[in-house]
Amino acid sequence: MAASKNFAQSTSSRDKSCPRDAFLGLCEQGCVVGVAQGDYTRSVSNKRYAVAAVAILKKNPELSECDRDLWKAVTRGASLTHNGQMDVVNSLFRAGHLK
């Protein structure tokens, strides 16, 4: 529902699996307030990126101000493309929805 609301004009943005799998990975690890730990995704990479980002934000909360800077920290500067995973993590972090 949130993807449809925020990306009404962009089917490709609504259907991206990276942000969804990052969110589900956080849920799976028990990182999201109000969501029980469980099996939610088969994603390995997007889950790993999201969980790593949460750990980094706990030590460096100022990185929540810039998705690109958080992504660089998560990937240790590797030239990987950010596909919305940090948008999810930062939004949840700023809203206080992460444990």
Protein backbone atom coordinates (compact mmCIF):
# COMPACT_ATOMS: atom_id res chain seq x y z
CA MET A 1 0.00 0.00 0.00
CA ALA A 2 2.81 2.40 0.90
CA ALA A 3 4.63 1.67 -2.35
CA SER A 4 1.47 2.30 -4.37
CA LYS A 5 0.87 5.58 -2.57
CA ASN A 6 4.44 6.88 -2.83
CA PHE A 7 5.19 5.61 -6.34
CA ALA A 8 1.82 5.97 -8.03
CA GLN A 9 3.34 6.95 -11.38
CA SER A 10 6.18 4.41 -11.42
CA THR A 11 5.41 0.72 -11.76
CA SER A 12 9.10 -0.19 -11.70
CA SER A 13 9.63 1.60 -8.38
CA ARG A 14 6.55 -0.05 -6.87
CA ASP A 15 7.65 -3.50 -7.93
CA LYS A 16 11.32 -3.34 -6.90
CA SER A 17 12.26 -6.33 -4.81
CA CYS A 18 15.35 -4.82 -3.12
CA PRO A 19 13.50 -2.45 -0.76
CA ARG A 20 10.84 -5.07 -0.04
CA ASP A 21 13.44 -7.72 0.72
CA ALA A 22 15.40 -5.30 2.90
CA PHE A 23 12.24 -4.68 4.94
CA LEU A 24 11.38 -8.35 5.14
CA GLY A 25 14.96 -9.15 6.14
CA LEU A 26 14.71 -6.69 9.02
CA CYS A 27 11.43 -8.29 10.07
CA GLU A 28 12.98 -11.74 9.82
CA GLN A 29 15.79 -10.73 12.18
CA GLY A 30 13.37 -9.19 14.66
CA CYS A 31 14.61 -5.65 14.05
CA VAL A 32 11.22 -4.03 13.40
CA VAL A 33 9.14 -2.92 16.37
CA GLY A 34 5.88 -4.84 16.55
CA VAL A 35 6.89 -7.56 14.07
CA ALA A 36 7.75 -11.01 15.35
CA GLN A 37 10.97 -12.61 14.19
CA GLY A 38 10.25 -15.30 11.59
CA ASP A 39 10.77 -16.50 8.05
CA TYR A 40 9.78 -13.70 5.66
CA THR A 41 12.23 -13.65 2.76
CA ARG A 42 14.65 -15.79 0.80
CA SER A 43 16.83 -12.78 0.08
CA VAL A 44 20.35 -13.01 1.38
CA SER A 45 22.03 -9.84 0.12
CA ASN A 46 19.26 -7.31 0.75
CA LYS A 47 18.65 -8.74 4.21
CA ARG A 48 22.37 -8.56 4.97
CA TYR A 49 22.59 -4.94 3.75
CA ALA A 50 19.61 -3.87 5.84
CA VAL A 51 20.74 -5.60 9.03
CA ALA A 52 24.24 -4.18 8.60
CA ALA A 53 22.76 -0.71 8.11
CA VAL A 54 20.85 -0.97 11.40
CA ALA A 55 24.04 -1.89 13.24
CA ILE A 56 25.85 1.04 11.64
CA LEU A 57 23.05 3.47 12.49
CA LYS A 58 23.16 2.45 16.14
CA LYS A 59 26.78 3.61 16.23
CA ASN A 60 26.44 6.52 13.77
CA PRO A 61 22.84 7.82 13.80
CA GLU A 62 23.85 10.87 11.75
CA LEU A 63 24.12 8.55 8.71
CA SER A 64 20.31 8.38 8.69
CA GLU A 65 20.35 11.79 7.03
CA CYS A 66 21.87 10.47 3.80
CA ASP A 67 21.00 7.17 2.14
CA ARG A 68 24.10 7.36 -0.05
CA ASP A 69 26.48 7.78 2.91
CA LEU A 70 24.84 4.91 4.79
CA TRP A 71 25.09 2.74 1.67
CA LYS A 72 28.80 3.52 1.38
CA ALA A 73 29.29 2.47 4.99
CA VAL A 74 27.31 -0.74 4.50
CA THR A 75 29.17 -1.72 1.32
CA ARG A 76 32.51 -0.41 2.60
CA GLY A 77 32.80 1.82 -0.46
CA ALA A 78 32.28 -0.95 -3.03
CA SER A 79 30.83 0.25 -6.31
CA LEU A 80 27.44 -1.38 -5.85
CA THR A 81 24.21 0.33 -6.83
CA HIS A 82 21.86 1.40 -4.07
CA ASN A 83 18.38 0.14 -4.98
CA GLY A 84 16.20 1.60 -2.25
CA GLN A 85 17.32 -0.60 0.63
CA MET A 86 18.67 2.35 2.61
CA ASP A 87 15.47 4.33 2.00
CA VAL A 88 13.63 1.62 3.91
CA VAL A 89 16.16 1.38 6.73
CA ASN A 90 16.50 5.13 7.18
CA SER A 91 12.74 5.71 7.10
CA LEU A 92 12.18 3.08 9.77
CA PHE A 93 15.09 4.38 11.84
CA ARG A 94 13.93 8.01 11.75
CA ALA A 95 10.39 6.96 12.65
CA GLY A 96 11.63 4.99 15.64
CA HIS A 97 10.43 1.64 14.30
CA LEU A 98 13.72 -0.23 14.67
CA LYS A 99 14.91 -2.11 17.73
